[in-house]
Amino acid sequence: MRRAAWIAAALMMVMAAPAMAATVDATSAHTGLRAYRAFASSLLRESGTARRNGDAFVAAVKAKCPNVLESVSMSDTFVQGAATQFGKEAGADLLLSAFVSFRKPLATLNLRLSRLSWSTPQIGAGLQRGLDAEQRAFALMTSDLCADASALAANGGRKLPPGAQSFLSNFQHELATTARLDVKAMLLRHRSARDRRLVREVNRLEDRASTRLGNALTAEVPKLLDALGLFV
């Protein structure tokens, strides 16, 4: 009789374990999504600062190497592909200049998410890898755009300089890693049905912040190219 009772108790514990784990993970996901909502709200608030950072970056380039690529724009020997890749470098620099204003909100998100408890260490480790990837991306420094522009002008716009190639490769790698280890997606995997409204709020804030930042940086691109004397 004792043995039967022990077996029954053991079976109940085994059956209850997945449910308990799901409850722990759902609770942490809810807390994590609330933290992510605060992060997205901070991005929206900081979008004005991000735009001003873009303005400052353009002004610095214009002061350091005005019209450095004017000869390339007027040349019939430049390669369109090289100019396009250089434009990507310039766009990446504008984005990174904006990222500076988002570092503090990201650090706060990292701190809040690091305190969460999960049913397995693997979940927490995966989330931390995603946060680390985002921090690396947000911490990237802008390229030496003027030096690369001067090198591009020196070769007649025929080939993207090695420094620009290296910068772009690293930038694209870090952003791809961030996308692959998407922090929000990890949180969403463990959410419960009660979080539907919270998820909608997070998505709405994130979309608004992304749109506002995109519009601001899009407006800066022609200013930057004009400062460099590049017309493509």
Protein backbone atom coordinates (compact mmCIF):
# COMPACT_ATOMS: atom_id res chain seq x y z
CA MET A 1 0.00 0.00 0.00
CA ARG A 2 2.81 2.36 0.87
CA ARG A 3 4.58 1.54 -2.34
CA ALA A 4 1.44 2.23 -4.38
CA ALA A 5 0.97 5.57 -2.64
CA TRP A 6 4.60 6.50 -3.28
CA ILE A 7 4.32 5.60 -6.97
CA ALA A 8 1.12 7.63 -7.27
CA ALA A 9 2.76 10.63 -5.62
CA ALA A 10 5.78 10.33 -7.89
CA LEU A 11 3.57 10.18 -10.98
CA MET A 12 1.67 13.28 -9.85
CA MET A 13 4.94 15.15 -9.38
CA VAL A 14 6.15 14.14 -12.84
CA MET A 15 2.87 15.24 -14.39
CA ALA A 16 2.87 18.51 -12.47
CA ALA A 17 6.47 19.43 -13.35
CA PRO A 18 5.77 20.66 -16.93
CA ALA A 19 2.82 22.73 -15.70
CA MET A 20 4.92 24.28 -12.94
CA ALA A 21 7.71 25.06 -15.42
CA ALA A 22 5.22 26.63 -17.81
CA THR A 23 3.85 28.80 -15.00
CA VAL A 24 7.33 29.96 -13.99
CA ASP A 25 8.24 30.77 -17.60
CA ALA A 26 4.94 32.51 -18.32
CA THR A 27 5.33 34.67 -15.21
CA SER A 28 8.87 35.65 -16.19
CA ALA A 29 7.83 36.26 -19.78
CA HIS A 30 5.08 38.60 -18.56
CA THR A 31 7.57 40.54 -16.44
CA GLY A 32 10.05 40.53 -19.29
CA LEU A 33 7.49 41.85 -21.78
CA ARG A 34 6.59 44.67 -19.38
CA ALA A 35 10.28 45.55 -19.24
CA TYR A 36 10.44 45.40 -23.03
CA ARG A 37 7.42 47.70 -23.24
CA ALA A 38 9.29 50.23 -21.10
CA PHE A 39 12.32 49.81 -23.38
CA ALA A 40 10.25 50.42 -26.52
CA SER A 41 8.69 53.47 -24.88
CA SER A 42 12.17 54.79 -24.11
CA LEU A 43 13.21 54.33 -27.73
CA LEU A 44 10.22 56.37 -28.80
CA ARG A 45 11.06 59.14 -26.32
CA GLU A 46 14.71 59.17 -27.36
CA SER A 47 13.99 59.36 -31.09
CA GLY A 48 14.40 63.14 -31.00
CA THR A 49 17.83 62.80 -29.42
CA ALA A 50 18.71 60.18 -32.01
CA ARG A 51 17.81 62.61 -34.79
CA ARG A 52 19.96 65.32 -33.23
CA ASN A 53 22.84 62.85 -33.02
CA GLY A 54 22.42 62.27 -36.74
CA ASP A 55 22.51 66.02 -37.36
CA ALA A 56 25.69 66.29 -35.29
CA PHE A 57 27.32 63.45 -37.24
CA VAL A 58 26.52 65.13 -40.57
CA ALA A 59 27.88 68.44 -39.29
CA ALA A 60 31.11 66.78 -38.13
CA VAL A 61 31.63 65.14 -41.54
CA LYS A 62 30.89 68.38 -43.33
CA ALA A 63 33.47 70.18 -41.19
CA LYS A 64 36.14 67.49 -41.57
CA CYS A 65 35.94 66.55 -45.26
CA PRO A 66 33.53 68.79 -47.20
CA ASN A 67 32.88 67.73 -50.81
CA VAL A 68 35.61 65.10 -50.63
CA LEU A 69 33.79 62.97 -53.22
CA GLU A 70 32.87 65.74 -55.62
CA SER A 71 35.45 64.56 -58.15
CA VAL A 72 33.96 61.05 -58.04
CA SER A 73 30.46 62.37 -58.68
CA MET A 74 31.65 64.23 -61.75
CA SER A 75 33.75 61.35 -63.06
CA ASP A 76 32.58 58.89 -65.69
CA THR A 77 34.92 56.19 -64.39
CA PHE A 78 33.37 55.48 -60.99
CA VAL A 79 31.71 52.12 -60.40
CA GLN A 80 28.10 52.34 -59.29
CA GLY A 81 28.51 49.33 -57.00
CA ALA A 82 31.33 50.99 -55.09
CA ALA A 83 29.30 54.16 -54.65
CA THR A 84 26.30 52.13 -53.48
CA GLN A 85 28.38 50.25 -50.91
CA PHE A 86 29.83 53.51 -49.68
CA GLY A 87 26.28 54.81 -49.33
CA LYS A 88 25.54 51.78 -47.13
CA GLU A 89 28.53 52.67 -44.97
CA ALA A 90 27.24 56.23 -44.62
CA GLY A 91 23.78 54.93 -43.72
CA ALA A 92 25.24 52.56 -41.14
CA ASP A 93 27.14 55.44 -39.57
CA LEU A 94 23.96 57.46 -39.26
CA LEU A 95 22.23 54.53 -37.59
CA LEU A 96 25.12 54.00 -35.16
CA SER A 97 25.14 57.68 -34.27
CA ALA A 98 21.47 57.28 -33.35
CA PHE A 99 22.15 54.10 -31.37
CA VAL A 100 24.18 56.09 -28.83
CA SER A 101 20.99 57.54 -27.34
CA PHE A 102 19.53 54.05 -26.92
CA ARG A 103 22.39 52.53 -24.93
CA LYS A 104 21.08 53.53 -21.51
CA PRO A 105 17.55 52.14 -22.09
CA LEU A 106 19.13 48.91 -23.36
CA ALA A 107 21.30 48.64 -20.25
CA THR A 108 18.18 49.04 -18.10
CA LEU A 109 16.41 46.31 -20.09
CA ASN A 110 19.42 44.02 -19.69
CA LEU A 111 19.40 44.54 -15.92
CA ARG A 112 15.68 43.87 -15.56
CA LEU A 113 15.72 40.75 -17.73
CA SER A 114 18.80 39.33 -16.02
CA ARG A 115 16.81 39.13 -12.78
CA LEU A 116 14.15 36.81 -14.19
CA SER A 117 13.88 33.17 -13.18
CA TRP A 118 13.29 30.41 -15.74
CA SER A 119 12.49 26.73 -15.58
CA THR A 120 15.81 25.83 -17.23
CA PRO A 121 19.21 27.56 -17.36
CA GLN A 122 19.12 27.28 -21.15
CA ILE A 123 16.26 29.76 -21.44
CA GLY A 124 18.07 32.36 -19.36
CA ALA A 125 21.33 31.75 -21.22
CA GLY A 126 19.63 32.15 -24.60
CA LEU A 127 18.03 35.39 -23.51
CA GLN A 128 21.37 36.69 -22.27
CA ARG A 129 23.02 35.85 -25.59
CA GLY A 130 20.36 37.94 -27.31
CA LEU A 131 20.90 40.85 -24.94
CA ASP A 132 24.67 40.62 -25.38
CA ALA A 133 24.23 40.70 -29.16
CA GLU A 134 22.07 43.83 -28.90
CA GLN A 135 24.59 45.53 -26.63
CA ARG A 136 27.42 44.76 -29.06
CA ALA A 137 25.41 46.23 -31.92
CA PHE A 138 24.46 49.35 -29.96
CA ALA A 139 28.08 49.79 -28.85
CA LEU A 140 29.54 49.73 -32.36
CA MET A 141 31.52 52.82 -33.25
CA THR A 142 31.00 54.72 -36.48
CA SER A 143 33.52 54.21 -39.26
CA ASP A 144 36.21 56.69 -40.27
CA LEU A 145 33.94 57.90 -43.04
CA CYS A 146 36.15 60.79 -44.13
CA ALA A 147 39.20 58.52 -44.47
CA ASP A 148 37.19 56.01 -46.48
CA ALA A 149 35.74 58.79 -48.64
CA SER A 150 39.23 60.13 -49.32
CA ALA A 151 40.41 56.64 -50.28
CA LEU A 152 37.42 56.21 -52.58
CA ALA A 153 38.15 59.55 -54.23
CA ALA A 154 41.81 58.57 -54.66
CA ASN A 155 40.91 55.44 -56.63
CA GLY A 156 38.42 57.32 -58.78
CA GLY A 157 35.42 55.64 -57.20
CA ARG A 158 36.32 52.31 -58.74
CA LYS A 159 36.63 50.24 -55.58
CA LEU A 160 35.33 50.39 -52.03
CA PRO A 161 38.31 50.94 -49.68
CA PRO A 162 39.34 47.99 -47.43
CA GLY A 163 38.48 49.93 -44.28
CA ALA A 164 34.93 50.48 -45.50
CA GLN A 165 34.59 46.82 -46.50
CA SER A 166 35.76 45.66 -43.07
CA PHE A 167 33.43 48.06 -41.28
CA LEU A 168 30.40 47.03 -43.34
CA SER A 169 31.13 43.33 -42.89
CA ASN A 170 31.31 43.69 -39.11
CA PHE A 171 28.23 45.92 -38.97
CA GLN A 172 26.15 43.51 -41.04
CA HIS A 173 27.36 40.53 -39.00
CA GLU A 174 26.40 42.15 -35.68
CA LEU A 175 22.96 43.17 -36.93
CA ALA A 176 22.34 39.69 -38.35
CA THR A 177 23.30 38.16 -35.00
CA THR A 178 20.92 40.50 -33.20
CA ALA A 179 18.10 39.50 -35.55
CA ARG A 180 18.87 35.79 -35.09
CA LEU A 181 18.91 36.09 -31.29
CA ASP A 182 15.81 38.29 -31.12
CA VAL A 183 15.16 39.05 -27.44
CA LYS A 184 11.49 39.89 -27.90
CA ALA A 185 10.89 36.70 -29.86
CA MET A 186 12.38 34.66 -27.00
CA LEU A 187 10.04 36.31 -24.52
CA LEU A 188 7.06 35.73 -26.78
CA ARG A 189 7.74 32.00 -26.90
CA HIS A 190 6.85 31.72 -23.22
CA ARG A 191 4.01 34.23 -22.93
CA SER A 192 0.56 33.22 -21.80
CA ALA A 193 -2.80 34.08 -23.36
CA ARG A 194 -3.29 36.88 -20.83
CA ASP A 195 -0.44 38.81 -22.45
CA ARG A 196 -2.22 39.47 -25.75
CA ARG A 197 -2.90 43.11 -24.92
CA LEU A 198 0.62 43.62 -23.58
CA VAL A 199 2.11 42.17 -26.75
CA ARG A 200 0.00 44.52 -28.88
CA GLU A 201 1.24 47.48 -26.84
CA VAL A 202 4.87 46.39 -27.23
CA ASN A 203 4.48 45.95 -31.00
CA ARG A 204 2.73 49.30 -31.36
CA LEU A 205 5.43 51.17 -29.44
CA GLU A 206 8.21 49.38 -31.29
CA ASP A 207 6.63 50.13 -34.67
CA ARG A 208 6.19 53.81 -33.79
CA ALA A 209 9.79 54.11 -32.58
CA SER A 210 11.11 52.33 -35.67
CA THR A 211 9.07 54.52 -38.01
CA ARG A 212 10.09 57.73 -36.29
CA LEU A 213 13.76 56.78 -36.32
CA GLY A 214 13.59 55.60 -39.92
CA ASN A 215 12.01 58.86 -41.05
CA ALA A 216 14.58 60.91 -39.17
CA LEU A 217 17.56 59.04 -40.58
CA THR A 218 16.13 58.94 -44.10
CA ALA A 219 16.04 62.74 -43.99
CA GLU A 220 19.69 62.82 -42.93
CA VAL A 221 21.02 60.64 -45.78
CA PRO A 222 20.83 63.27 -48.56
CA LYS A 223 22.34 65.83 -46.18
CA LEU A 224 25.28 63.55 -45.52
CA LEU A 225 25.83 62.69 -49.17
CA ASP A 226 25.61 66.39 -50.02
CA ALA A 227 28.21 67.19 -47.35
CA LEU A 228 30.51 64.64 -48.96
CA GLY A 229 29.81 65.95 -52.46
CA LEU A 230 28.46 62.59 -53.58
CA PHE A 231 25.50 62.49 -55.92
CA VAL A 232 24.29 59.02 -56.87
